[in-house]
Structure formats: C-alpha cells, structure tokens
PDB file of N, CA and C in Angstrom:
ATOM      1  N   UNK A   1       0.844  -1.187   0.000  1.00  0.00           N
ATOM      2  CA  UNK A   1       0.000   0.000   0.000  1.00  0.00           C
ATOM      3  C   UNK A   1       0.887   1.248   0.000  1.00  0.00           C
ATOM      4  N   UNK A   2       0.552   2.150  -0.874  1.00  0.00           N
ATOM      5  CA  UNK A   2       1.286   3.408  -0.927  1.00  0.00           C
ATOM      6  C   UNK A   2       0.917   4.268   0.284  1.00  0.00           C
ATOM      7  N   UNK A   3       1.897   5.002   0.754  1.00  0.00           N
ATOM      8  CA  UNK A   3       1.668   5.848   1.922  1.00  0.00           C
ATOM      9  C   UNK A   3       0.764   7.031   1.549  1.00  0.00           C
ATOM     10  N   UNK A   4      -0.322   7.229   2.304  1.00  0.00           N
ATOM     11  CA  UNK A   4      -1.187   8.378   2.040  1.00  0.00           C
ATOM     12  C   UNK A   4      -0.419   9.688   2.269  1.00  0.00           C
ATOM     13  N   UNK A   5      -0.706  10.706   1.469  1.00  0.00           N
ATOM     14  CA  UNK A   5       0.001  11.987   1.614  1.00  0.00           C
ATOM     15  C   UNK A   5      -0.068  12.577   3.025  1.00  0.00           C
ATOM     16  N   UNK A   6      -1.204  12.453   3.693  1.00  0.00           N
ATOM     17  CA  UNK A   6      -1.332  12.998   5.050  1.00  0.00           C
ATOM     18  C   UNK A   6      -0.398  12.267   6.023  1.00  0.00           C
ATOM     19  N   UNK A   7      -0.237  10.980   5.823  1.00  0.00           N
ATOM     20  CA  UNK A   7       0.647  10.188   6.671  1.00  0.00           C
ATOM     21  C   UNK A   7       2.095  10.571   6.418  1.00  0.00           C
ATOM     22  N   UNK A   8       2.455  10.729   5.146  1.00  0.00           N
ATOM     23  CA  UNK A   8       3.818  11.141   4.786  1.00  0.00           C
ATOM     24  C   UNK A   8       4.142  12.502   5.412  1.00  0.00           C
ATOM     25  N   UNK A   9       3.196  13.413   5.337  1.00  0.00           N
ATOM     26  CA  UNK A   9       3.391  14.744   5.902  1.00  0.00           C
ATOM     27  C   UNK A   9       3.577  14.676   7.415  1.00  0.00           C
ATOM     28  N   UNK A  10       2.744  13.873   8.084  1.00  0.00           N
ATOM     29  CA  UNK A  10       2.869  13.714   9.539  1.00  0.00           C
ATOM     30  C   UNK A  10       4.216  13.100   9.906  1.00  0.00           C
ATOM     31  N   UNK A  11       4.643  12.113   9.142  1.00  0.00           N
ATOM     32  CA  UNK A  11       5.922  11.457   9.410  1.00  0.00           C
ATOM     33  C   UNK A  11       7.081  12.429   9.194  1.00  0.00           C
ATOM     34  N   UNK A  12       7.013  13.240   8.142  1.00  0.00           N
ATOM     35  CA  UNK A  12       8.067  14.235   7.905  1.00  0.00           C
ATOM     36  C   UNK A  12       8.120  15.264   9.035  1.00  0.00           C
ATOM     37  N   UNK A  13       6.961  15.728   9.466  1.00  0.00           N
ATOM     38  CA  UNK A  13       6.920  16.682  10.573  1.00  0.00           C
ATOM     39  C   UNK A  13       7.531  16.071  11.832  1.00  0.00           C
ATOM     40  N   UNK A  14       7.210  14.814  12.086  1.00  0.00           N
ATOM     41  CA  UNK A  14       7.747  14.124  13.263  1.00  0.00           C
ATOM     42  C   UNK A  14       9.264  13.988  13.162  1.00  0.00           C
ATOM     43  N   UNK A  15       9.758  13.661  11.982  1.00  0.00           N
ATOM     44  CA  UNK A  15      11.208  13.523  11.787  1.00  0.00           C
ATOM     45  C   UNK A  15      11.901  14.875  11.973  1.00  0.00           C
ATOM     46  N   UNK A  16      11.293  15.933  11.481  1.00  0.00           N
ATOM     47  CA  UNK A  16      11.871  17.272  11.658  1.00  0.00           C
ATOM     48  C   UNK A  16      11.960  17.633  13.138  1.00  0.00           C
ATOM     49  N   UNK A  17      10.912  17.287  13.891  1.00  0.00           N
ATOM     50  CA  UNK A  17      10.927  17.589  15.318  1.00  0.00           C
ATOM     51  C   UNK A  17      12.002  16.772  16.038  1.00  0.00           C
ATOM     52  N   UNK A  18      12.141  15.510  15.684  1.00  0.00           N
ATOM     53  CA  UNK A  18      13.193  14.689  16.288  1.00  0.00           C
ATOM     54  C   UNK A  18      14.577  15.251  15.974  1.00  0.00           C
ATOM     55  N   UNK A  19      14.752  15.743  14.762  1.00  0.00           N
ATOM     56  CA  UNK A  19      16.036  16.353  14.396  1.00  0.00           C
ATOM     57  C   UNK A  19      16.288  17.611  15.228  1.00  0.00           C
ATOM     58  N   UNK A  20      15.261  18.440  15.378  1.00  0.00           N
ATOM     59  CA  UNK A  20      15.390  19.649  16.207  1.00  0.00           C
ATOM     60  C   UNK A  20      15.705  19.294  17.649  1.00  0.00           C
ATOM     61  N   UNK A  21      15.181  18.150  18.101  1.00  0.00           N
ATOM     62  CA  UNK A  21      15.438  17.682  19.463  1.00  0.00           C
ATOM     63  C   UNK A  21      16.787  16.962  19.567  1.00  0.00           C
ATOM     64  N   UNK A  22      17.544  16.988  18.482  1.00  0.00           N
ATOM     65  CA  UNK A  22      18.900  16.437  18.409  1.00  0.00           C
ATOM     66  C   UNK A  22      18.961  14.922  18.572  1.00  0.00           C
ATOM     67  N   UNK A  23      18.007  14.224  17.992  1.00  0.00           N
ATOM     68  CA  UNK A  23      18.067  12.763  17.987  1.00  0.00           C
ATOM     69  C   UNK A  23      19.303  12.330  17.206  1.00  0.00           C
ATOM     70  N   UNK A  24      20.105  11.437  17.766  1.00  0.00           N
ATOM     71  CA  UNK A  24      21.321  11.007  17.073  1.00  0.00           C
ATOM     72  C   UNK A  24      21.069  10.061  15.899  1.00  0.00           C
ATOM     73  N   UNK A  25      19.834   9.597  15.733  1.00  0.00           N
ATOM     74  CA  UNK A  25      19.554   8.660  14.644  1.00  0.00           C
ATOM     75  C   UNK A  25      18.725   9.276  13.518  1.00  0.00           C
ATOM     76  N   UNK A  26      18.461  10.569  13.591  1.00  0.00           N
ATOM     77  CA  UNK A  26      17.673  11.254  12.561  1.00  0.00           C
ATOM     78  C   UNK A  26      18.562  12.260  11.838  1.00  0.00           C
ATOM     79  N   UNK A  27      18.714  12.053  10.536  1.00  0.00           N
ATOM     80  CA  UNK A  27      19.487  12.951   9.694  1.00  0.00           C
ATOM     81  C   UNK A  27      18.561  13.495   8.598  1.00  0.00           C
ATOM     82  N   UNK A  28      18.524  14.817   8.423  1.00  0.00           N
ATOM     83  CA  UNK A  28      17.609  15.400   7.437  1.00  0.00           C
ATOM     84  C   UNK A  28      17.783  14.842   6.024  1.00  0.00           C
ATOM     85  N   UNK A  29      19.024  14.549   5.636  1.00  0.00           N
ATOM     86  CA  UNK A  29      19.260  14.086   4.265  1.00  0.00           C
ATOM     87  C   UNK A  29      18.776  12.658   4.019  1.00  0.00           C
ATOM     88  N   UNK A  30      18.506  11.894   5.065  1.00  0.00           N
ATOM     89  CA  UNK A  30      18.012  10.522   4.891  1.00  0.00           C
ATOM     90  C   UNK A  30      16.599  10.328   5.439  1.00  0.00           C
ATOM     91  N   UNK A  31      15.974  11.399   5.889  1.00  0.00           N
ATOM     92  CA  UNK A  31      14.659  11.286   6.545  1.00  0.00           C
ATOM     93  C   UNK A  31      13.616  10.632   5.640  1.00  0.00           C
ATOM     94  N   UNK A  32      13.536  11.036   4.382  1.00  0.00           N
ATOM     95  CA  UNK A  32      12.535  10.447   3.490  1.00  0.00           C
ATOM     96  C   UNK A  32      12.773   8.958   3.278  1.00  0.00           C
ATOM     97  N   UNK A  33      14.034   8.560   3.170  1.00  0.00           N
ATOM     98  CA  UNK A  33      14.356   7.143   3.008  1.00  0.00           C
ATOM     99  C   UNK A  33      13.970   6.353   4.256  1.00  0.00           C
ATOM    100  N   UNK A  34      14.246   6.915   5.415  1.00  0.00           N
ATOM    101  CA  UNK A  34      13.907   6.251   6.684  1.00  0.00           C
ATOM    102  C   UNK A  34      12.388   6.114   6.808  1.00  0.00           C
ATOM    103  N   UNK A  35      11.659   7.135   6.414  1.00  0.00           N
ATOM    104  CA  UNK A  35      10.193   7.073   6.451  1.00  0.00           C
ATOM    105  C   UNK A  35       9.693   5.954   5.548  1.00  0.00           C
ATOM    106  N   UNK A  36      10.244   5.847   4.356  1.00  0.00           N
ATOM    107  CA  UNK A  36       9.840   4.783   3.418  1.00  0.00           C
ATOM    108  C   UNK A  36      10.134   3.400   3.973  1.00  0.00           C
ATOM    109  N   UNK A  37      11.334   3.229   4.530  1.00  0.00           N
ATOM    110  CA  UNK A  37      11.702   1.948   5.135  1.00  0.00           C
ATOM    111  C   UNK A  37      10.748   1.624   6.280  1.00  0.00           C
ATOM    112  N   UNK A  38      10.483   2.623   7.107  1.00  0.00           N
ATOM    113  CA  UNK A  38       9.577   2.415   8.235  1.00  0.00           C
ATOM    114  C   UNK A  38       8.184   2.039   7.781  1.00  0.00           C
ATOM    115  N   UNK A  39       7.695   2.699   6.751  1.00  0.00           N
ATOM    116  CA  UNK A  39       6.353   2.415   6.239  1.00  0.00           C
ATOM    117  C   UNK A  39       6.263   0.976   5.712  1.00  0.00           C
ATOM    118  N   UNK A  40       7.256   0.562   4.934  1.00  0.00           N
ATOM    119  CA  UNK A  40       7.258  -0.809   4.404  1.00  0.00           C
ATOM    120  C   UNK A  40       7.294  -1.828   5.551  1.00  0.00           C
ATOM    121  N   UNK A  41       8.131  -1.558   6.544  1.00  0.00           N
ATOM    122  CA  UNK A  41       8.243  -2.456   7.688  1.00  0.00           C
ATOM    123  C   UNK A  41       6.909  -2.513   8.439  1.00  0.00           C
ATOM    124  N   UNK A  42       6.299  -1.353   8.641  1.00  0.00           N
ATOM    125  CA  UNK A  42       5.014  -1.263   9.345  1.00  0.00           C
ATOM    126  C   UNK A  42       3.939  -2.057   8.610  1.00  0.00           C
ATOM    127  N   UNK A  43       3.882  -1.879   7.315  1.00  0.00           N
ATOM    128  CA  UNK A  43       2.850  -2.522   6.499  1.00  0.00           C
ATOM    129  C   UNK A  43       3.057  -4.034   6.387  1.00  0.00           C
ATOM    130  N   UNK A  44       4.273  -4.496   6.554  1.00  0.00           N
ATOM    131  CA  UNK A  44       4.550  -5.925   6.368  1.00  0.00           C
ATOM    132  C   UNK A  44       4.563  -6.719   7.670  1.00  0.00           C
ATOM    133  N   UNK A  45       4.236  -6.091   8.778  1.00  0.00           N
ATOM    134  CA  UNK A  45       4.323  -6.765  10.076  1.00  0.00           C
ATOM    135  C   UNK A  45       3.519  -8.065  10.110  1.00  0.00           C
ATOM    136  N   UNK A  46       2.291  -8.007   9.705  1.00  0.00           N
ATOM    137  CA  UNK A  46       1.417  -9.187   9.788  1.00  0.00           C
ATOM    138  C   UNK A  46       1.955 -10.337   8.935  1.00  0.00           C
ATOM    139  N   UNK A  47       2.453 -10.023   7.781  1.00  0.00           N
ATOM    140  CA  UNK A  47       2.983 -11.056   6.899  1.00  0.00           C
ATOM    141  C   UNK A  47       4.217 -11.727   7.519  1.00  0.00           C
ATOM    142  N   UNK A  48       5.049 -10.929   8.184  1.00  0.00           N
ATOM    143  CA  UNK A  48       6.273 -11.465   8.778  1.00  0.00           C
ATOM    144  C   UNK A  48       6.036 -12.112  10.128  1.00  0.00           C
ATOM    145  N   UNK A  49       4.932 -11.777  10.793  1.00  0.00           N
ATOM    146  CA  UNK A  49       4.612 -12.310  12.121  1.00  0.00           C
ATOM    147  C   UNK A  49       3.210 -12.915  12.103  1.00  0.00           C
ATOM    148  N   UNK A  50       2.966 -13.793  11.179  1.00  0.00           N
ATOM    149  CA  UNK A  50       1.623 -14.318  10.964  1.00  0.00           C
ATOM    150  C   UNK A  50       1.116 -15.173  12.113  1.00  0.00           C
ATOM    151  N   UNK A  51       2.000 -15.674  12.966  1.00  0.00           N
ATOM    152  CA  UNK A  51       1.549 -16.501  14.089  1.00  0.00           C
ATOM    153  C   UNK A  51       1.075 -15.676  15.282  1.00  0.00           C
ATOM    154  N   UNK A  52       1.465 -14.424  15.331  1.00  0.00           N
ATOM    155  CA  UNK A  52       1.116 -13.571  16.475  1.00  0.00           C
ATOM    156  C   UNK A  52       0.357 -12.342  15.999  1.00  0.00           C
ATOM    157  N   UNK A  53      -0.625 -11.946  16.781  1.00  0.00           N
ATOM    158  CA  UNK A  53      -1.411 -10.767  16.418  1.00  0.00           C
ATOM    159  C   UNK A  53      -0.546  -9.513  16.445  1.00  0.00           C
ATOM    160  N   UNK A  54       0.345  -9.433  17.400  1.00  0.00           N
ATOM    161  CA  UNK A  54       1.236  -8.284  17.474  1.00  0.00           C
ATOM    162  C   UNK A  54       0.657  -7.126  18.262  1.00  0.00           C
ATOM    163  N   UNK A  55       1.137  -6.968  19.468  1.00  0.00           N
ATOM    164  CA  UNK A  55       0.713  -5.831  20.281  1.00  0.00           C
ATOM    165  C   UNK A  55       1.395  -4.567  19.756  1.00  0.00           C
ATOM    166  N   UNK A  56       0.944  -3.452  20.249  1.00  0.00           N
ATOM    167  CA  UNK A  56       1.554  -2.167  19.876  1.00  0.00           C
ATOM    168  C   UNK A  56       3.050  -2.191  20.191  1.00  0.00           C
ATOM    169  N   UNK A  57       3.417  -2.682  21.374  1.00  0.00           N
ATOM    170  CA  UNK A  57       4.828  -2.724  21.769  1.00  0.00           C
ATOM    171  C   UNK A  57       5.641  -3.649  20.868  1.00  0.00           C
ATOM    172  N   UNK A  58       5.063  -4.781  20.479  1.00  0.00           N
ATOM    173  CA  UNK A  58       5.760  -5.694  19.576  1.00  0.00           C
ATOM    174  C   UNK A  58       5.985  -5.047  18.213  1.00  0.00           C
ATOM    175  N   UNK A  59       4.991  -4.339  17.740  1.00  0.00           N
ATOM    176  CA  UNK A  59       5.125  -3.660  16.445  1.00  0.00           C
ATOM    177  C   UNK A  59       6.193  -2.584  16.507  1.00  0.00           C
ATOM    178  N   UNK A  60       6.229  -1.834  17.614  1.00  0.00           N
ATOM    179  CA  UNK A  60       7.235  -0.779  17.746  1.00  0.00           C
ATOM    180  C   UNK A  60       8.639  -1.360  17.851  1.00  0.00           C
ATOM    181  N   UNK A  61       8.794  -2.446  18.581  1.00  0.00           N
ATOM    182  CA  UNK A  61      10.109  -3.080  18.692  1.00  0.00           C
ATOM    183  C   UNK A  61      10.562  -3.602  17.324  1.00  0.00           C
ATOM    184  N   UNK A  62       9.642  -4.196  16.581  1.00  0.00           N
ATOM    185  CA  UNK A  62       9.950  -4.678  15.237  1.00  0.00           C
ATOM    186  C   UNK A  62      10.355  -3.520  14.333  1.00  0.00           C
ATOM    187  N   UNK A  63       9.630  -2.419  14.425  1.00  0.00           N
ATOM    188  CA  UNK A  63       9.946  -1.242  13.612  1.00  0.00           C
ATOM    189  C   UNK A  63      11.305  -0.675  14.001  1.00  0.00           C
ATOM    190  N   UNK A  64      11.591  -0.599  15.286  1.00  0.00           N
ATOM    191  CA  UNK A  64      12.890  -0.085  15.742  1.00  0.00           C
ATOM    192  C   UNK A  64      14.035  -0.932  15.189  1.00  0.00           C
ATOM    193  N   UNK A  65      13.877  -2.238  15.234  1.00  0.00           N
ATOM    194  CA  UNK A  65      14.929  -3.125  14.720  1.00  0.00           C
ATOM    195  C   UNK A  65      15.069  -2.995  13.211  1.00  0.00           C
ATOM    196  N   UNK A  66      13.962  -2.838  12.521  1.00  0.00           N
ATOM    197  CA  UNK A  66      14.019  -2.657  11.074  1.00  0.00           C
ATOM    198  C   UNK A  66      14.705  -1.358  10.686  1.00  0.00           C
ATOM    199  N   UNK A  67      14.407  -0.294  11.404  1.00  0.00           N
ATOM    200  CA  UNK A  67      15.055   0.994  11.141  1.00  0.00           C
ATOM    201  C   UNK A  67      16.548   0.908  11.443  1.00  0.00           C
ATOM    202  N   UNK A  68      16.875   0.290  12.575  1.00  0.00           N
ATOM    203  CA  UNK A  68      18.281   0.099  12.930  1.00  0.00           C
ATOM    204  C   UNK A  68      19.019  -0.665  11.836  1.00  0.00           C
ATOM    205  N   UNK A  69      18.434  -1.759  11.378  1.00  0.00           N
ATOM    206  CA  UNK A  69      19.083  -2.585  10.361  1.00  0.00           C
ATOM    207  C   UNK A  69      19.228  -1.859   9.033  1.00  0.00           C
ATOM    208  N   UNK A  70      18.290  -0.965   8.731  1.00  0.00           N
ATOM    209  CA  UNK A  70      18.350  -0.223   7.473  1.00  0.00           C
ATOM    210  C   UNK A  70      19.393   0.886   7.505  1.00  0.00           C
ATOM    211  N   UNK A  71      19.651   1.438   8.683  1.00  0.00           N
ATOM    212  CA  UNK A  71      20.531   2.600   8.802  1.00  0.00           C
ATOM    213  C   UNK A  71      21.954   2.230   9.205  1.00  0.00           C
ATOM    214  N   UNK A  72      22.083   1.307  10.122  1.00  0.00           N
ATOM    215  CA  UNK A  72      23.391   0.990  10.683  1.00  0.00           C
ATOM    216  C   UNK A  72      24.104  -0.094   9.871  1.00  0.00           C
ATOM    217  N   UNK A  73      25.403   0.059   9.654  1.00  0.00           N
ATOM    218  CA  UNK A  73      26.150  -0.953   8.907  1.00  0.00           C
ATOM    219  C   UNK A  73      26.196  -2.305   9.641  1.00  0.00           C
ATOM    220  N   UNK A  74      26.214  -2.281  10.966  1.00  0.00           N
ATOM    221  CA  UNK A  74      26.210  -3.512  11.747  1.00  0.00           C
ATOM    222  C   UNK A  74      25.314  -3.293  12.962  1.00  0.00           C
ATOM    223  N   UNK A  75      24.091  -3.777  12.877  1.00  0.00           N
ATOM    224  CA  UNK A  75      23.109  -3.567  13.930  1.00  0.00           C
ATOM    225  C   UNK A  75      23.517  -4.123  15.279  1.00  0.00           C
ATOM    226  N   UNK A  76      24.429  -5.092  15.275  1.00  0.00           N
ATOM    227  CA  UNK A  76      24.878  -5.675  16.546  1.00  0.00           C
ATOM    228  C   UNK A  76      25.706  -4.698  17.365  1.00  0.00           C
ATOM    229  N   UNK A  77      26.225  -3.644  16.714  1.00  0.00           N
ATOM    230  CA  UNK A  77      27.105  -2.705  17.391  1.00  0.00           C
ATOM    231  C   UNK A  77      26.401  -1.417  17.819  1.00  0.00           C
ATOM    232  N   UNK A  78      25.097  -1.386  17.749  1.00  0.00           N
ATOM    233  CA  UNK A  78      24.340  -0.170  18.041  1.00  0.00           C
ATOM    234  C   UNK A  78      24.373   0.186  19.523  1.00  0.00           C
ATOM    235  N   UNK A  79      24.305  -0.802  20.376  1.00  0.00           N
ATOM    236  CA  UNK A  79      24.351  -0.561  21.820  1.00  0.00           C
ATOM    237  C   UNK A  79      23.216   0.327  22.294  1.00  0.00           C
ATOM    238  N   UNK A  80      23.540   1.366  23.090  1.00  0.00           N
ATOM    239  CA  UNK A  80      22.510   2.225  23.673  1.00  0.00           C
ATOM    240  C   UNK A  80      21.684   3.006  22.639  1.00  0.00           C
ATOM    241  N   UNK A  81      22.162   3.127  21.409  1.00  0.00           N
ATOM    242  CA  UNK A  81      21.385   3.836  20.386  1.00  0.00           C
ATOM    243  C   UNK A  81      20.060   3.144  20.085  1.00  0.00           C
ATOM    244  N   UNK A  82      19.925   1.882  20.477  1.00  0.00           N
ATOM    245  CA  UNK A  82      18.660   1.205  20.211  1.00  0.00           C
ATOM    246  C   UNK A  82      17.509   1.944  20.886  1.00  0.00           C
ATOM    247  N   UNK A  83      17.772   2.598  22.003  1.00  0.00           N
ATOM    248  CA  UNK A  83      16.721   3.384  22.664  1.00  0.00           C
ATOM    249  C   UNK A  83      16.279   4.547  21.777  1.00  0.00           C
ATOM    250  N   UNK A  84      17.218   5.143  21.058  1.00  0.00           N
ATOM    251  CA  UNK A  84      16.870   6.220  20.132  1.00  0.00           C
ATOM    252  C   UNK A  84      16.076   5.680  18.948  1.00  0.00           C
ATOM    253  N   UNK A  85      16.411   4.472  18.494  1.00  0.00           N
ATOM    254  CA  UNK A  85      15.628   3.848  17.419  1.00  0.00           C
ATOM    255  C   UNK A  85      14.231   3.484  17.918  1.00  0.00           C
ATOM    256  N   UNK A  86      14.107   3.093  19.171  1.00  0.00           N
ATOM    257  CA  UNK A  86      12.780   2.811  19.733  1.00  0.00           C
ATOM    258  C   UNK A  86      11.945   4.089  19.800  1.00  0.00           C
ATOM    259  N   UNK A  87      12.574   5.183  20.170  1.00  0.00           N
ATOM    260  CA  UNK A  87      11.851   6.461  20.210  1.00  0.00           C
ATOM    261  C   UNK A  87      11.436   6.878  18.794  1.00  0.00           C
ATOM    262  N   UNK A  88      12.333   6.708  17.841  1.00  0.00           N
ATOM    263  CA  UNK A  88      12.008   6.998  16.439  1.00  0.00           C
ATOM    264  C   UNK A  88      10.850   6.112  15.979  1.00  0.00           C
ATOM    265  N   UNK A  89      10.896   4.831  16.313  1.00  0.00           N
ATOM    266  CA  UNK A  89       9.832   3.903  15.917  1.00  0.00           C
ATOM    267  C   UNK A  89       8.492   4.314  16.529  1.00  0.00           C
ATOM    268  N   UNK A  90       8.505   4.704  17.786  1.00  0.00           N
ATOM    269  CA  UNK A  90       7.274   5.141  18.437  1.00  0.00           C
ATOM    270  C   UNK A  90       6.704   6.379  17.748  1.00  0.00           C
ATOM    271  N   UNK A  91       7.582   7.303  17.418  1.00  0.00           N
ATOM    272  CA  UNK A  91       7.155   8.544  16.762  1.00  0.00           C
ATOM    273  C   UNK A  91       6.576   8.245  15.383  1.00  0.00           C
ATOM    274  N   UNK A  92       7.274   7.423  14.593  1.00  0.00           N
ATOM    275  CA  UNK A  92       6.766   7.084  13.264  1.00  0.00           C
ATOM    276  C   UNK A  92       5.499   6.231  13.362  1.00  0.00           C
ATOM    277  N   UNK A  93       5.458   5.310  14.306  1.00  0.00           N
ATOM    278  CA  UNK A  93       4.265   4.478  14.479  1.00  0.00           C
ATOM    279  C   UNK A  93       3.031   5.326  14.755  1.00  0.00           C
ATOM    280  N   UNK A  94       3.196   6.335  15.585  1.00  0.00           N
ATOM    281  CA  UNK A  94       2.078   7.236  15.868  1.00  0.00           C
ATOM    282  C   UNK A  94       1.662   7.994  14.613  1.00  0.00           C
ATOM    283  N   UNK A  95       2.637   8.426  13.828  1.00  0.00           N
ATOM    284  CA  UNK A  95       2.311   9.136  12.582  1.00  0.00           C
ATOM    285  C   UNK A  95       1.611   8.196  11.607  1.00  0.00           C
ATOM    286  N   UNK A  96       2.071   6.939  11.539  1.00  0.00           N
ATOM    287  CA  UNK A  96       1.455   5.977  10.625  1.00  0.00           C
ATOM    288  C   UNK A  96       0.019   5.658  11.043  1.00  0.00           C
ATOM    289  N   UNK A  97      -0.242   5.634  12.334  1.00  0.00           N
ATOM    290  CA  UNK A  97      -1.574   5.289  12.814  1.00  0.00           C
ATOM    291  C   UNK A  97      -2.515   6.492  12.887  1.00  0.00           C
ATOM    292  N   UNK A  98      -1.996   7.693  12.772  1.00  0.00           N
ATOM    293  CA  UNK A  98      -2.825   8.892  12.877  1.00  0.00           C
ATOM    294  C   UNK A  98      -3.869   8.955  11.766  1.00  0.00           C
ATOM    295  N   UNK A  99      -3.561   8.358  10.634  1.00  0.00           N
ATOM    296  CA  UNK A  99      -4.488   8.332   9.510  1.00  0.00           C
ATOM    297  C   UNK A  99      -5.157   6.966   9.496  1.00  0.00           C
ATOM    298  N   UNK A 100      -6.464   6.912   9.582  1.00  0.00           N
ATOM    299  CA  UNK A 100      -7.188   5.639   9.637  1.00  0.00           C
ATOM    300  C   UNK A 100      -6.874   4.746   8.445  1.00  0.00           C
ATOM    301  N   UNK A 101      -6.605   5.335   7.295  1.00  0.00           N
ATOM    302  CA  UNK A 101      -6.289   4.550   6.105  1.00  0.00           C
ATOM    303  C   UNK A 101      -4.900   3.951   6.177  1.00  0.00           C
ATOM    304  N   UNK A 102      -4.105   4.400   7.136  1.00  0.00           N
ATOM    305  CA  UNK A 102      -2.720   3.966   7.214  1.00  0.00           C
ATOM    306  C   UNK A 102      -2.515   2.852   8.234  1.00  0.00           C
ATOM    307  N   UNK A 103      -3.588   2.235   8.682  1.00  0.00           N
ATOM    308  CA  UNK A 103      -3.461   1.251   9.747  1.00  0.00           C
ATOM    309  C   UNK A 103      -2.765  -0.021   9.282  1.00  0.00           C
ATOM    310  N   UNK A 104      -2.669  -0.211   7.979  1.00  0.00           N
ATOM    311  CA  UNK A 104      -1.964  -1.378   7.475  1.00  0.00           C
ATOM    312  C   UNK A 104      -2.622  -2.642   7.948  1.00  0.00           C
ATOM    313  N   UNK A 105      -1.813  -3.567   8.412  1.00  0.00           N
ATOM    314  CA  UNK A 105      -2.337  -4.868   8.805  1.00  0.00           C
ATOM    315  C   UNK A 105      -2.388  -5.010  10.309  1.00  0.00           C
ATOM    316  N   UNK A 106      -2.382  -3.917  11.038  1.00  0.00           N
ATOM    317  CA  UNK A 106      -2.421  -3.973  12.501  1.00  0.00           C
ATOM    318  C   UNK A 106      -3.757  -4.551  12.959  1.00  0.00           C
ATOM    319  N   UNK A 107      -3.706  -5.414  13.915  1.00  0.00           N
ATOM    320  CA  UNK A 107      -4.933  -6.005  14.460  1.00  0.00           C
ATOM    321  C   UNK A 107      -5.346  -5.279  15.689  1.00  0.00           C
TER     322      UNK A 107
END
C-alpha cells in the first residue's frame, strides 16, 4: 500500500521535530528514506509475524529493529542507540496510525 500523503506529511513533521530535538539517529538528508523503510516495515508486520497478532509494543520493537538494520552498517554494534531507534519507531508508528487509512495490517 502506498503511503497516504497525510501520513507522509505527519511522518516528515515528526522527523523534523526529532532532528530539532537532536536525535542522534535522525538525519535530514536521509529522513525520506527512513520514512519509506519504516512504512514498508510497518505494512509488512502481519505477513512477517503471521503466528502472532502483534501488540503495539511488539510492532514498535519490530519497527525499531528494522530501522536500525536499514541505517546501521552492523546492527549488533548499536548498543545504547537502540533506545533512540525505539523512540524513532514510536514517533513514526504514531504518525502511521494517525491516519485511519494507514493502519496497514495492525490487528
């Protein structure tokens, strides 16, 4: 599913705010790419986790790991930055869910 324009706008605004708040994992030049990766990961959760319904926390943890893996050359070396990826995932997850059409496959 293509990302609705309102969702994209909300996600961009959220990324801009995280950058202003000096998040170490948000870079303006890669924000659109990160949003796209996050959206694909969000939309594919049910397909990748078909045995579990997936709570909000499980979806956010999955999104954080997906963002980490997309951005970092070696996700095993992220260490404490995973908390920043979790915050990014929570922020993007809220933006993705703000639009009813953007609920994807969330149960």
